[in-house]
Amino acid sequence: MSDDQRLPDTKARAAKSSRRSFLRGSLGAGAGLVALAAALEPLKDFDTSGMTMQTFLQKHYKEMTPEDMEQVLERIRTEVEQRYDVRPELRDVKPMDGVEFAYALNLGRCIGCRKCVHACVAENNQSRSPEIQYIRVLEMPRGSVDIERGNHHYDRPTVPDENHYYMPIQCHQCANPPCVKVCPVEATWQEPDGITVIDYDWCIGCRYCEAACPYWARRFNFVEPKLAEDPEKAKEVLNPDMSYLSNRPRHKGVMEKCHFCLHRTREGKMPACLEVCPVGARKFGNLLDPESEVSQIVRNKHVFVLKQEVGTRPRFFYYFDQDYHQNEGSASHDDSGHGKEEA
């Protein structure tokens, strides 16, 4: 076997060793198997971070056989049912061959209503207390795409405001993701369809990925997430349609982010944020399919990406309608030094 063939297994073993070494050190485990077992005993009831003996000993996602995965899925189904009194439809949805997902967002149409934000929260079982949002909508002054001048906290009785336009920002599913490179235990990686995922059972909460992301797209659970203060209401809002790498419930101490609703999109549906948009500002599809709407937009519109100079190569594109260019020509001018990318 060549060195190249050995490399993936070596990396996986190194990741497993790093993760377990980190956890053993944080738990103060002593030398020897007996001491280690004694130190790990409390993990069975280690509720604050969601870590259990089963998750501690779980294989890396890329190492698991279908039988291994089914055991893990059944464990999670049982945990969700015990927590919410709802039996989830949980599966491990794999990427499709010949697919590279991409998003295109028409900034000339977005009205800043934030319906996409709240649809995302509901679809992906994000914490409501405190509320974790994968999508930020910036109110931008007309004539600029400098996101440093955007206001995430705008509060108006009606939108849009005539002096502003609106720029939603979420995970850009970069082709060159810096968040993946800095993870010390390979808890986050890029899938063949371009989606960067997180294994919540493997994440150690170091937050290196959060610091590396130039788009502020990752969220950390500082406290145990809650779907509602009242457990009875929590089970009413829980979305039981779940996937292992997307919207299953998370615990304190792990990262999460947008994953293009892979439990939907890998099964031929659209992301929840797109479906709820009242003005059709969002377009999504397979970049490798020349007939897809998103592919045609990238080829035929004057699209741009945020922070092109950092080399992340996002799969999240922005563009303006032609009539918007004519009426507000300076709006597409990048006065922040952020580059543009023409199709």
C-alpha atoms as a PDB file:
ATOM      1  CA  MET A   1       0.000   0.000   0.000  1.00  0.00           C
ATOM      2  CA  SER A   2       1.337   3.436  -0.931  1.00  0.00           C
ATOM      3  CA  ASP A   3       1.791   6.326   1.484  1.00  0.00           C
ATOM      4  CA  ASP A   4      -1.086   8.160  -0.248  1.00  0.00           C
ATOM      5  CA  GLN A   5      -3.381   5.211   0.383  1.00  0.00           C
ATOM      6  CA  ARG A   6      -2.444   5.143   4.048  1.00  0.00           C
ATOM      7  CA  LEU A   7      -2.988   8.879   4.528  1.00  0.00           C
ATOM      8  CA  PRO A   8      -6.806   8.938   5.041  1.00  0.00           C
ATOM      9  CA  ASP A   9      -6.684   6.218   7.702  1.00  0.00           C
ATOM     10  CA  THR A  10      -3.748   7.933   9.384  1.00  0.00           C
ATOM     11  CA  LYS A  11      -5.610  11.250   9.447  1.00  0.00           C
ATOM     12  CA  ALA A  12      -8.728   9.612  10.843  1.00  0.00           C
ATOM     13  CA  ARG A  13      -6.727   7.907  13.595  1.00  0.00           C
ATOM     14  CA  ALA A  14      -4.978  11.175  14.373  1.00  0.00           C
ATOM     15  CA  ALA A  15      -8.314  12.959  14.589  1.00  0.00           C
ATOM     16  CA  LYS A  16      -9.717  10.315  16.898  1.00  0.00           C
ATOM     17  CA  SER A  17      -6.626  10.449  19.092  1.00  0.00           C
ATOM     18  CA  SER A  18      -6.680  14.236  19.261  1.00  0.00           C
ATOM     19  CA  ARG A  19     -10.332  14.363  20.193  1.00  0.00           C
ATOM     20  CA  ARG A  20     -10.120  11.728  22.868  1.00  0.00           C
ATOM     21  CA  SER A  21      -6.865  13.115  24.234  1.00  0.00           C
ATOM     22  CA  PHE A  22      -8.508  16.509  24.544  1.00  0.00           C
ATOM     23  CA  LEU A  23     -11.493  15.089  26.374  1.00  0.00           C
ATOM     24  CA  ARG A  24      -9.400  12.869  28.606  1.00  0.00           C
ATOM     25  CA  GLY A  25      -7.286  15.838  29.579  1.00  0.00           C
ATOM     26  CA  SER A  26     -10.328  17.989  30.312  1.00  0.00           C
ATOM     27  CA  LEU A  27     -11.782  15.253  32.463  1.00  0.00           C
ATOM     28  CA  GLY A  28      -8.542  14.816  34.380  1.00  0.00           C
ATOM     29  CA  ALA A  29      -8.167  11.116  33.532  1.00  0.00           C
ATOM     30  CA  GLY A  30      -5.271   9.324  35.172  1.00  0.00           C
ATOM     31  CA  ALA A  31      -2.832   6.902  33.630  1.00  0.00           C
ATOM     32  CA  GLY A  32      -3.897   3.348  32.858  1.00  0.00           C
ATOM     33  CA  LEU A  33      -7.112   1.825  31.566  1.00  0.00           C
ATOM     34  CA  VAL A  34      -8.650   1.386  35.006  1.00  0.00           C
ATOM     35  CA  ALA A  35      -8.088   5.019  35.892  1.00  0.00           C
ATOM     36  CA  LEU A  36      -9.388   6.089  32.486  1.00  0.00           C
ATOM     37  CA  ALA A  37     -12.541   4.005  32.876  1.00  0.00           C
ATOM     38  CA  ALA A  38     -13.146   5.497  36.297  1.00  0.00           C
ATOM     39  CA  ALA A  39     -12.650   8.994  34.945  1.00  0.00           C
ATOM     40  CA  LEU A  40     -15.069   8.329  32.091  1.00  0.00           C
ATOM     41  CA  GLU A  41     -17.807   6.895  34.316  1.00  0.00           C
ATOM     42  CA  PRO A  42     -19.466  10.292  34.914  1.00  0.00           C
ATOM     43  CA  LEU A  43     -19.900  10.740  31.165  1.00  0.00           C
ATOM     44  CA  LYS A  44     -22.960   8.506  31.277  1.00  0.00           C
ATOM     45  CA  ASP A  45     -24.780  11.362  32.995  1.00  0.00           C
ATOM     46  CA  PHE A  46     -22.773  14.250  31.581  1.00  0.00           C
ATOM     47  CA  ASP A  47     -25.793  16.339  30.630  1.00  0.00           C
ATOM     48  CA  THR A  48     -24.310  19.822  30.260  1.00  0.00           C
ATOM     49  CA  SER A  49     -22.489  19.114  26.992  1.00  0.00           C
ATOM     50  CA  GLY A  50     -24.520  16.214  25.685  1.00  0.00           C
ATOM     51  CA  MET A  51     -21.497  13.914  25.904  1.00  0.00           C
ATOM     52  CA  THR A  52     -22.185  10.288  26.833  1.00  0.00           C
ATOM     53  CA  MET A  53     -20.084   7.148  26.921  1.00  0.00           C
ATOM     54  CA  GLN A  54     -21.616   6.136  23.591  1.00  0.00           C
ATOM     55  CA  THR A  55     -20.768   9.419  21.871  1.00  0.00           C
ATOM     56  CA  PHE A  56     -17.284   9.424  23.420  1.00  0.00           C
ATOM     57  CA  LEU A  57     -16.527   5.989  21.963  1.00  0.00           C
ATOM     58  CA  GLN A  58     -18.314   6.649  18.673  1.00  0.00           C
ATOM     59  CA  LYS A  59     -16.251   6.319  15.511  1.00  0.00           C
ATOM     60  CA  HIS A  60     -15.580   9.268  13.246  1.00  0.00           C
ATOM     61  CA  TYR A  61     -18.388   9.762  10.717  1.00  0.00           C
ATOM     62  CA  LYS A  62     -16.157   8.777   7.805  1.00  0.00           C
ATOM     63  CA  GLU A  63     -15.174   5.537   9.547  1.00  0.00           C
ATOM     64  CA  MET A  64     -18.668   4.335  10.377  1.00  0.00           C
ATOM     65  CA  THR A  65     -20.225   1.399   8.545  1.00  0.00           C
ATOM     66  CA  PRO A  66     -23.970   1.481   7.724  1.00  0.00           C
ATOM     67  CA  GLU A  67     -24.490  -0.760  10.759  1.00  0.00           C
ATOM     68  CA  ASP A  68     -22.506   1.627  12.967  1.00  0.00           C
ATOM     69  CA  MET A  69     -24.534   4.571  11.703  1.00  0.00           C
ATOM     70  CA  GLU A  70     -27.854   2.849  12.313  1.00  0.00           C
ATOM     71  CA  GLN A  71     -26.841   2.182  15.927  1.00  0.00           C
ATOM     72  CA  VAL A  72     -25.961   5.855  16.345  1.00  0.00           C
ATOM     73  CA  LEU A  73     -29.214   6.971  14.712  1.00  0.00           C
ATOM     74  CA  GLU A  74     -31.233   4.719  16.976  1.00  0.00           C
ATOM     75  CA  ARG A  75     -29.467   6.108  20.030  1.00  0.00           C
ATOM     76  CA  ILE A  76     -30.256   9.664  18.922  1.00  0.00           C
ATOM     77  CA  ARG A  77     -33.890   8.787  18.141  1.00  0.00           C
ATOM     78  CA  THR A  78     -34.245   7.437  21.668  1.00  0.00           C
ATOM     79  CA  GLU A  79     -32.591  10.521  23.177  1.00  0.00           C
ATOM     80  CA  VAL A  80     -34.852  12.883  21.197  1.00  0.00           C
ATOM     81  CA  GLU A  81     -37.938  10.904  22.166  1.00  0.00           C
ATOM     82  CA  GLN A  82     -36.977  10.998  25.821  1.00  0.00           C
ATOM     83  CA  ARG A  83     -36.263  14.718  25.656  1.00  0.00           C
ATOM     84  CA  TYR A  84     -39.261  15.884  23.605  1.00  0.00           C
ATOM     85  CA  ASP A  85     -41.739  12.986  23.683  1.00  0.00           C
ATOM     86  CA  VAL A  86     -41.555  12.907  19.869  1.00  0.00           C
ATOM     87  CA  ARG A  87     -40.132  10.051  17.799  1.00  0.00           C
ATOM     88  CA  PRO A  88     -38.078  11.713  15.012  1.00  0.00           C
ATOM     89  CA  GLU A  89     -37.737  10.592  11.400  1.00  0.00           C
ATOM     90  CA  LEU A  90     -33.945  10.602  11.623  1.00  0.00           C
ATOM     91  CA  ARG A  91     -31.679   9.354   8.839  1.00  0.00           C
ATOM     92  CA  ASP A  92     -28.245   9.907   7.365  1.00  0.00           C
ATOM     93  CA  VAL A  93     -28.824  11.580   4.000  1.00  0.00           C
ATOM     94  CA  LYS A  94     -25.892  11.169   1.623  1.00  0.00           C
ATOM     95  CA  PRO A  95     -24.887  13.609  -1.142  1.00  0.00           C
ATOM     96  CA  MET A  96     -26.040  12.920  -4.689  1.00  0.00           C
ATOM     97  CA  ASP A  97     -23.571  12.240  -7.507  1.00  0.00           C
ATOM     98  CA  GLY A  98     -23.029  15.043 -10.012  1.00  0.00           C
ATOM     99  CA  VAL A  99     -24.361  17.745  -7.699  1.00  0.00           C
ATOM    100  CA  GLU A 100     -22.645  20.882  -6.403  1.00  0.00           C
ATOM    101  CA  PHE A 101     -25.119  23.088  -4.593  1.00  0.00           C
ATOM    102  CA  ALA A 102     -24.994  26.871  -4.845  1.00  0.00           C
ATOM    103  CA  TYR A 103     -27.128  29.849  -3.820  1.00  0.00           C
ATOM    104  CA  ALA A 104     -27.811  33.065  -5.697  1.00  0.00           C
ATOM    105  CA  LEU A 105     -29.494  36.001  -3.991  1.00  0.00           C
ATOM    106  CA  ASN A 106     -31.101  38.905  -5.824  1.00  0.00           C
ATOM    107  CA  LEU A 107     -30.342  41.942  -3.698  1.00  0.00           C
ATOM    108  CA  GLY A 108     -32.589  44.084  -5.853  1.00  0.00           C
ATOM    109  CA  ARG A 109     -35.606  42.072  -4.685  1.00  0.00           C
ATOM    110  CA  CYS A 110     -34.878  41.345  -1.013  1.00  0.00           C
ATOM    111  CA  ILE A 111     -37.106  43.510   1.203  1.00  0.00           C
ATOM    112  CA  GLY A 112     -35.510  42.735   4.581  1.00  0.00           C
ATOM    113  CA  CYS A 113     -38.595  41.046   6.060  1.00  0.00           C
ATOM    114  CA  ARG A 114     -36.455  38.397   7.832  1.00  0.00           C
ATOM    115  CA  LYS A 115     -38.954  35.626   7.050  1.00  0.00           C
ATOM    116  CA  CYS A 116     -36.007  33.555   5.859  1.00  0.00           C
ATOM    117  CA  VAL A 117     -34.355  33.946   9.270  1.00  0.00           C
ATOM    118  CA  HIS A 118     -37.318  32.592  11.207  1.00  0.00           C
ATOM    119  CA  ALA A 119     -38.131  29.825   8.719  1.00  0.00           C
ATOM    120  CA  CYS A 120     -34.547  28.628   9.093  1.00  0.00           C
ATOM    121  CA  VAL A 121     -34.825  28.609  12.895  1.00  0.00           C
ATOM    122  CA  ALA A 122     -38.020  26.542  12.766  1.00  0.00           C
ATOM    123  CA  GLU A 123     -36.789  24.095  10.126  1.00  0.00           C
ATOM    124  CA  ASN A 124     -33.452  23.393  11.755  1.00  0.00           C
ATOM    125  CA  ASN A 125     -34.510  23.058  15.398  1.00  0.00           C
ATOM    126  CA  GLN A 126     -32.397  25.997  16.460  1.00  0.00           C
ATOM    127  CA  SER A 127     -32.489  27.226  20.026  1.00  0.00           C
ATOM    128  CA  ARG A 128     -35.150  29.823  20.811  1.00  0.00           C
ATOM    129  CA  SER A 129     -33.877  30.551  24.303  1.00  0.00           C
ATOM    130  CA  PRO A 130     -31.440  32.021  23.545  1.00  0.00           C
ATOM    131  CA  GLU A 131     -32.371  32.198  19.860  1.00  0.00           C
ATOM    132  CA  ILE A 132     -29.658  31.078  17.494  1.00  0.00           C
ATOM    133  CA  GLN A 133     -29.973  32.313  13.915  1.00  0.00           C
ATOM    134  CA  TYR A 134     -27.945  31.037  10.968  1.00  0.00           C
ATOM    135  CA  ILE A 135     -28.997  33.957   8.727  1.00  0.00           C
ATOM    136  CA  ARG A 136     -28.186  37.606   9.384  1.00  0.00           C
ATOM    137  CA  VAL A 137     -29.960  40.244   7.324  1.00  0.00           C
ATOM    138  CA  LEU A 138     -28.006  43.482   7.032  1.00  0.00           C
ATOM    139  CA  GLU A 139     -29.716  46.763   6.232  1.00  0.00           C
ATOM    140  CA  MET A 140     -27.273  48.383   3.816  1.00  0.00           C
ATOM    141  CA  PRO A 141     -27.004  52.017   2.691  1.00  0.00           C
ATOM    142  CA  ARG A 142     -27.718  52.346  -1.005  1.00  0.00           C
ATOM    143  CA  GLY A 143     -24.554  52.801  -3.025  1.00  0.00           C
ATOM    144  CA  SER A 144     -22.345  50.431  -0.994  1.00  0.00           C
ATOM    145  CA  VAL A 145     -21.688  46.740  -0.529  1.00  0.00           C
ATOM    146  CA  ASP A 146     -19.337  47.324   2.401  1.00  0.00           C
ATOM    147  CA  ILE A 147     -20.812  44.952   4.984  1.00  0.00           C
ATOM    148  CA  GLU A 148     -19.062  46.897   7.755  1.00  0.00           C
ATOM    149  CA  ARG A 149     -21.637  49.626   7.086  1.00  0.00           C
ATOM    150  CA  GLY A 150     -24.566  47.219   7.426  1.00  0.00           C
ATOM    151  CA  ASN A 151     -26.957  47.177  10.371  1.00  0.00           C
ATOM    152  CA  HIS A 152     -28.019  43.775  11.662  1.00  0.00           C
ATOM    153  CA  HIS A 153     -30.275  45.235  14.360  1.00  0.00           C
ATOM    154  CA  TYR A 154     -32.558  47.454  12.292  1.00  0.00           C
ATOM    155  CA  ASP A 155     -36.043  47.794  13.727  1.00  0.00           C
ATOM    156  CA  ARG A 156     -38.621  49.424  11.481  1.00  0.00           C
ATOM    157  CA  PRO A 157     -42.416  49.252  11.482  1.00  0.00           C
ATOM    158  CA  THR A 158     -42.318  48.455   7.770  1.00  0.00           C
ATOM    159  CA  VAL A 159     -39.666  47.311   5.297  1.00  0.00           C
ATOM    160  CA  PRO A 160     -38.070  47.981   2.929  1.00  0.00           C
ATOM    161  CA  ASP A 161     -36.781  51.445   3.755  1.00  0.00           C
ATOM    162  CA  GLU A 162     -36.332  53.593   0.651  1.00  0.00           C
ATOM    163  CA  ASN A 163     -32.810  54.638   1.641  1.00  0.00           C
ATOM    164  CA  HIS A 164     -31.524  51.109   2.120  1.00  0.00           C
ATOM    165  CA  TYR A 165     -31.341  47.670   0.566  1.00  0.00           C
ATOM    166  CA  TYR A 166     -31.004  44.340   2.383  1.00  0.00           C
ATOM    167  CA  MET A 167     -28.256  41.728   2.313  1.00  0.00           C
ATOM    168  CA  PRO A 168     -28.827  38.306   3.956  1.00  0.00           C
ATOM    169  CA  ILE A 169     -25.626  36.524   4.980  1.00  0.00           C
ATOM    170  CA  GLN A 170     -25.250  32.894   6.048  1.00  0.00           C
ATOM    171  CA  CYS A 171     -22.727  30.099   5.530  1.00  0.00           C
ATOM    172  CA  HIS A 172     -21.296  30.568   2.053  1.00  0.00           C
ATOM    173  CA  GLN A 173     -20.328  26.884   1.665  1.00  0.00           C
ATOM    174  CA  CYS A 174     -16.885  27.897   0.457  1.00  0.00           C
ATOM    175  CA  ALA A 175     -14.936  25.737  -1.996  1.00  0.00           C
ATOM    176  CA  ASN A 176     -11.849  26.633   0.054  1.00  0.00           C
ATOM    177  CA  PRO A 177     -13.280  26.715   3.606  1.00  0.00           C
ATOM    178  CA  PRO A 178     -10.850  28.068   6.237  1.00  0.00           C
ATOM    179  CA  CYS A 179     -13.072  26.669   9.012  1.00  0.00           C
ATOM    180  CA  VAL A 180     -12.268  23.111   7.924  1.00  0.00           C
ATOM    181  CA  LYS A 181      -8.530  23.695   7.918  1.00  0.00           C
ATOM    182  CA  VAL A 182      -8.349  24.838  11.537  1.00  0.00           C
ATOM    183  CA  CYS A 183     -10.472  22.101  13.161  1.00  0.00           C
ATOM    184  CA  PRO A 184      -8.022  20.047  15.266  1.00  0.00           C
ATOM    185  CA  VAL A 185     -10.181  16.895  15.291  1.00  0.00           C
ATOM    186  CA  GLU A 186     -11.833  16.923  11.819  1.00  0.00           C
ATOM    187  CA  ALA A 187     -15.279  17.516  13.267  1.00  0.00           C
ATOM    188  CA  THR A 188     -16.121  19.676  10.240  1.00  0.00           C
ATOM    189  CA  TRP A 189     -15.450  18.882   6.601  1.00  0.00           C
ATOM    190  CA  GLN A 190     -16.648  19.557   3.065  1.00  0.00           C
ATOM    191  CA  GLU A 191     -18.926  17.015   1.404  1.00  0.00           C
ATOM    192  CA  PRO A 192     -18.806  16.118  -2.334  1.00  0.00           C
ATOM    193  CA  ASP A 193     -21.846  18.325  -3.045  1.00  0.00           C
ATOM    194  CA  GLY A 194     -20.045  21.366  -1.639  1.00  0.00           C
ATOM    195  CA  ILE A 195     -21.798  21.509   1.730  1.00  0.00           C
ATOM    196  CA  THR A 196     -19.529  21.984   4.739  1.00  0.00           C
ATOM    197  CA  VAL A 197     -20.961  19.963   7.612  1.00  0.00           C
ATOM    198  CA  ILE A 198     -20.392  19.558  11.344  1.00  0.00           C
ATOM    199  CA  ASP A 199     -20.613  16.337  13.332  1.00  0.00           C
ATOM    200  CA  TYR A 200     -22.046  17.551  16.639  1.00  0.00           C
ATOM    201  CA  ASP A 201     -20.969  14.324  18.349  1.00  0.00           C
ATOM    202  CA  TRP A 202     -17.356  14.876  17.314  1.00  0.00           C
ATOM    203  CA  CYS A 203     -17.088  18.630  17.943  1.00  0.00           C
ATOM    204  CA  ILE A 204     -15.020  19.553  21.012  1.00  0.00           C
ATOM    205  CA  GLY A 205     -16.173  23.192  21.135  1.00  0.00           C
ATOM    206  CA  CYS A 206     -12.758  24.800  20.656  1.00  0.00           C
ATOM    207  CA  ARG A 207     -14.352  27.474  18.394  1.00  0.00           C
ATOM    208  CA  TYR A 208     -11.332  27.672  16.080  1.00  0.00           C
ATOM    209  CA  CYS A 209     -13.705  27.348  13.110  1.00  0.00           C
ATOM    210  CA  GLU A 210     -15.789  30.258  14.335  1.00  0.00           C
ATOM    211  CA  ALA A 211     -12.710  32.464  14.476  1.00  0.00           C
ATOM    212  CA  ALA A 212     -11.555  31.349  11.016  1.00  0.00           C
ATOM    213  CA  CYS A 213     -14.835  32.092   9.211  1.00  0.00           C
ATOM    214  CA  PRO A 214     -14.703  35.516   7.492  1.00  0.00           C
ATOM    215  CA  TYR A 215     -18.509  35.633   7.204  1.00  0.00           C
ATOM    216  CA  TRP A 216     -19.420  35.119  10.895  1.00  0.00           C
ATOM    217  CA  ALA A 217     -21.494  32.136   9.838  1.00  0.00           C
ATOM    218  CA  ARG A 218     -20.914  29.719  12.726  1.00  0.00           C
ATOM    219  CA  ARG A 219     -22.761  29.692  16.034  1.00  0.00           C
ATOM    220  CA  PHE A 220     -21.624  28.303  19.382  1.00  0.00           C
ATOM    221  CA  ASN A 221     -23.963  26.928  22.028  1.00  0.00           C
ATOM    222  CA  PHE A 222     -22.795  28.587  25.232  1.00  0.00           C
ATOM    223  CA  VAL A 223     -25.778  27.126  27.085  1.00  0.00           C
ATOM    224  CA  GLU A 224     -28.053  24.161  26.556  1.00  0.00           C
ATOM    225  CA  PRO A 225     -30.314  25.031  23.591  1.00  0.00           C
ATOM    226  CA  LYS A 226     -34.046  25.295  24.250  1.00  0.00           C
ATOM    227  CA  LEU A 227     -36.813  25.114  21.668  1.00  0.00           C
ATOM    228  CA  ALA A 228     -39.132  26.668  24.260  1.00  0.00           C
ATOM    229  CA  GLU A 229     -39.126  27.420  27.967  1.00  0.00           C
ATOM    230  CA  ASP A 230     -42.086  25.094  28.434  1.00  0.00           C
ATOM    231  CA  PRO A 231     -41.168  21.455  27.565  1.00  0.00           C
ATOM    232  CA  GLU A 232     -44.725  20.842  26.372  1.00  0.00           C
ATOM    233  CA  LYS A 233     -44.408  23.651  23.850  1.00  0.00           C
ATOM    234  CA  ALA A 234     -40.948  22.444  22.830  1.00  0.00           C
ATOM    235  CA  LYS A 235     -42.346  19.200  21.484  1.00  0.00           C
ATOM    236  CA  GLU A 236     -44.980  21.151  19.554  1.00  0.00           C
ATOM    237  CA  VAL A 237     -42.370  23.171  17.634  1.00  0.00           C
ATOM    238  CA  LEU A 238     -39.814  20.386  17.175  1.00  0.00           C
ATOM    239  CA  ASN A 239     -39.294  19.495  13.513  1.00  0.00           C
ATOM    240  CA  PRO A 240     -39.143  15.661  13.528  1.00  0.00           C
ATOM    241  CA  ASP A 241     -37.815  15.465   9.939  1.00  0.00           C
ATOM    242  CA  MET A 242     -34.118  15.206  10.768  1.00  0.00           C
ATOM    243  CA  SER A 243     -30.747  14.207   9.374  1.00  0.00           C
ATOM    244  CA  TYR A 244     -27.598  13.293  11.282  1.00  0.00           C
ATOM    245  CA  LEU A 245     -25.500  16.090   9.731  1.00  0.00           C
ATOM    246  CA  SER A 246     -28.153  18.807   9.706  1.00  0.00           C
ATOM    247  CA  ASN A 247     -31.026  19.632  12.025  1.00  0.00           C
ATOM    248  CA  ARG A 248     -31.029  17.053  14.801  1.00  0.00           C
ATOM    249  CA  PRO A 249     -31.018  18.683  18.273  1.00  0.00           C
ATOM    250  CA  ARG A 250     -27.671  19.984  19.497  1.00  0.00           C
ATOM    251  CA  HIS A 251     -26.212  20.334  22.978  1.00  0.00           C
ATOM    252  CA  LYS A 252     -24.242  22.894  24.919  1.00  0.00           C
ATOM    253  CA  GLY A 253     -20.616  23.236  23.888  1.00  0.00           C
ATOM    254  CA  VAL A 254     -20.823  22.528  20.152  1.00  0.00           C
ATOM    255  CA  MET A 255     -20.758  24.591  16.959  1.00  0.00           C
ATOM    256  CA  GLU A 256     -23.533  24.709  14.373  1.00  0.00           C
ATOM    257  CA  LYS A 257     -24.311  26.578  11.160  1.00  0.00           C
ATOM    258  CA  CYS A 258     -26.279  26.609   7.908  1.00  0.00           C
ATOM    259  CA  HIS A 259     -25.996  23.375   5.925  1.00  0.00           C
ATOM    260  CA  PHE A 260     -28.255  24.307   2.989  1.00  0.00           C
ATOM    261  CA  CYS A 261     -31.048  22.248   4.661  1.00  0.00           C
ATOM    262  CA  LEU A 262     -29.321  19.099   3.388  1.00  0.00           C
ATOM    263  CA  HIS A 263     -32.067  16.884   4.801  1.00  0.00           C
ATOM    264  CA  ARG A 264     -34.324  18.618   2.259  1.00  0.00           C
ATOM    265  CA  THR A 265     -32.048  19.571  -0.627  1.00  0.00           C
ATOM    266  CA  ARG A 266     -30.410  16.161  -0.946  1.00  0.00           C
ATOM    267  CA  GLU A 267     -33.895  14.743  -1.402  1.00  0.00           C
ATOM    268  CA  GLY A 268     -34.925  17.156  -4.165  1.00  0.00           C
ATOM    269  CA  LYS A 269     -36.567  19.882  -2.074  1.00  0.00           C
ATOM    270  CA  MET A 270     -35.603  23.519  -1.650  1.00  0.00           C
ATOM    271  CA  PRO A 271     -34.133  25.131   1.486  1.00  0.00           C
ATOM    272  CA  ALA A 272     -36.701  26.436   3.973  1.00  0.00           C
ATOM    273  CA  CYS A 273     -35.408  30.007   3.627  1.00  0.00           C
ATOM    274  CA  LEU A 274     -36.058  29.946  -0.123  1.00  0.00           C
ATOM    275  CA  GLU A 275     -39.562  28.525   0.154  1.00  0.00           C
ATOM    276  CA  VAL A 276     -40.706  31.240   2.567  1.00  0.00           C
ATOM    277  CA  CYS A 277     -39.256  34.217   0.655  1.00  0.00           C
ATOM    278  CA  PRO A 278     -42.285  36.332  -0.421  1.00  0.00           C
ATOM    279  CA  VAL A 279     -40.488  38.090  -3.308  1.00  0.00           C
ATOM    280  CA  GLY A 280     -38.472  35.292  -4.930  1.00  0.00           C
ATOM    281  CA  ALA A 281     -35.125  36.850  -4.077  1.00  0.00           C
ATOM    282  CA  ARG A 282     -33.505  33.477  -3.371  1.00  0.00           C
ATOM    283  CA  LYS A 283     -32.404  30.961  -6.006  1.00  0.00           C
ATOM    284  CA  PHE A 284     -30.851  27.582  -5.275  1.00  0.00           C
ATOM    285  CA  GLY A 285     -29.743  24.586  -7.279  1.00  0.00           C
ATOM    286  CA  ASN A 286     -27.052  22.437  -8.831  1.00  0.00           C
ATOM    287  CA  LEU A 287     -24.173  24.506 -10.167  1.00  0.00           C
ATOM    288  CA  LEU A 288     -23.047  21.564 -12.333  1.00  0.00           C
ATOM    289  CA  ASP A 289     -26.380  21.445 -14.171  1.00  0.00           C
ATOM    290  CA  PRO A 290     -26.225  24.039 -16.979  1.00  0.00           C
ATOM    291  CA  GLU A 291     -30.027  24.120 -17.116  1.00  0.00           C
ATOM    292  CA  SER A 292     -30.533  24.922 -13.439  1.00  0.00           C
ATOM    293  CA  GLU A 293     -31.686  28.429 -12.562  1.00  0.00           C
ATOM    294  CA  VAL A 294     -28.757  29.105 -10.277  1.00  0.00           C
ATOM    295  CA  SER A 295     -26.285  27.974 -12.933  1.00  0.00           C
ATOM    296  CA  GLN A 296     -27.834  30.289 -15.508  1.00  0.00           C
ATOM    297  CA  ILE A 297     -27.747  33.198 -13.060  1.00  0.00           C
ATOM    298  CA  VAL A 298     -24.051  32.687 -12.387  1.00  0.00           C
ATOM    299  CA  ARG A 299     -23.340  32.499 -16.118  1.00  0.00           C
ATOM    300  CA  ASN A 300     -25.518  35.374 -17.274  1.00  0.00           C
ATOM    301  CA  LYS A 301     -25.804  37.864 -14.405  1.00  0.00           C
ATOM    302  CA  HIS A 302     -23.183  40.208 -13.040  1.00  0.00           C
ATOM    303  CA  VAL A 303     -22.692  38.254  -9.810  1.00  0.00           C
ATOM    304  CA  PHE A 304     -20.265  38.974  -6.995  1.00  0.00           C
ATOM    305  CA  VAL A 305     -19.128  37.293  -3.794  1.00  0.00           C
ATOM    306  CA  LEU A 306     -18.230  38.816  -0.450  1.00  0.00           C
ATOM    307  CA  LYS A 307     -14.589  39.149   0.535  1.00  0.00           C
ATOM    308  CA  GLN A 308     -13.254  37.604  -2.644  1.00  0.00           C
ATOM    309  CA  GLU A 309      -9.776  38.734  -1.653  1.00  0.00           C
ATOM    310  CA  VAL A 310      -9.567  36.160   1.178  1.00  0.00           C
ATOM    311  CA  GLY A 311      -9.735  33.294  -1.325  1.00  0.00           C
ATOM    312  CA  THR A 312     -12.561  31.256   0.207  1.00  0.00           C
ATOM    313  CA  ARG A 313     -14.381  30.844  -3.167  1.00  0.00           C
ATOM    314  CA  PRO A 314     -17.956  30.979  -1.850  1.00  0.00           C
ATOM    315  CA  ARG A 315     -20.841  29.128  -3.445  1.00  0.00           C
ATOM    316  CA  PHE A 316     -23.132  31.955  -2.314  1.00  0.00           C
ATOM    317  CA  PHE A 317     -23.515  34.583  -5.038  1.00  0.00           C
ATOM    318  CA  TYR A 318     -25.150  38.012  -4.989  1.00  0.00           C
ATOM    319  CA  TYR A 319     -26.525  40.035  -7.874  1.00  0.00           C
ATOM    320  CA  PHE A 320     -28.807  42.979  -8.647  1.00  0.00           C
ATOM    321  CA  ASP A 321     -31.596  43.222 -11.211  1.00  0.00           C
ATOM    322  CA  GLN A 322     -30.729  45.117 -14.367  1.00  0.00           C
ATOM    323  CA  ASP A 323     -33.291  47.837 -13.610  1.00  0.00           C
ATOM    324  CA  TYR A 324     -31.700  48.263 -10.186  1.00  0.00           C
ATOM    325  CA  HIS A 325     -28.332  48.878 -11.871  1.00  0.00           C
ATOM    326  CA  GLN A 326     -29.888  51.521 -14.087  1.00  0.00           C
ATOM    327  CA  ASN A 327     -31.657  53.334 -11.246  1.00  0.00           C
ATOM    328  CA  GLU A 328     -29.010  52.853  -8.567  1.00  0.00           C
ATOM    329  CA  GLY A 329     -25.865  52.293 -10.584  1.00  0.00           C
ATOM    330  CA  SER A 330     -23.557  52.979  -7.667  1.00  0.00           C
ATOM    331  CA  ALA A 331     -25.196  50.258  -5.584  1.00  0.00           C
ATOM    332  CA  SER A 332     -23.201  47.584  -7.370  1.00  0.00           C
ATOM    333  CA  HIS A 333     -19.966  49.514  -6.944  1.00  0.00           C
ATOM    334  CA  ASP A 334     -17.673  47.913  -4.384  1.00  0.00           C
ATOM    335  CA  ASP A 335     -16.318  50.829  -2.387  1.00  0.00           C
ATOM    336  CA  SER A 336     -15.019  48.634   0.423  1.00  0.00           C
ATOM    337  CA  GLY A 337     -12.260  46.924  -1.499  1.00  0.00           C
ATOM    338  CA  HIS A 338     -14.291  43.721  -1.618  1.00  0.00           C
ATOM    339  CA  GLY A 339     -13.763  42.151  -5.009  1.00  0.00           C
ATOM    340  CA  LYS A 340     -16.353  41.163  -7.554  1.00  0.00           C
ATOM    341  CA  GLU A 341     -16.589  38.011  -9.548  1.00  0.00           C
ATOM    342  CA  GLU A 342     -18.142  38.087 -12.964  1.00  0.00           C
ATOM    343  CA  ALA A 343     -19.680  34.986 -14.464  1.00  0.00           C
END
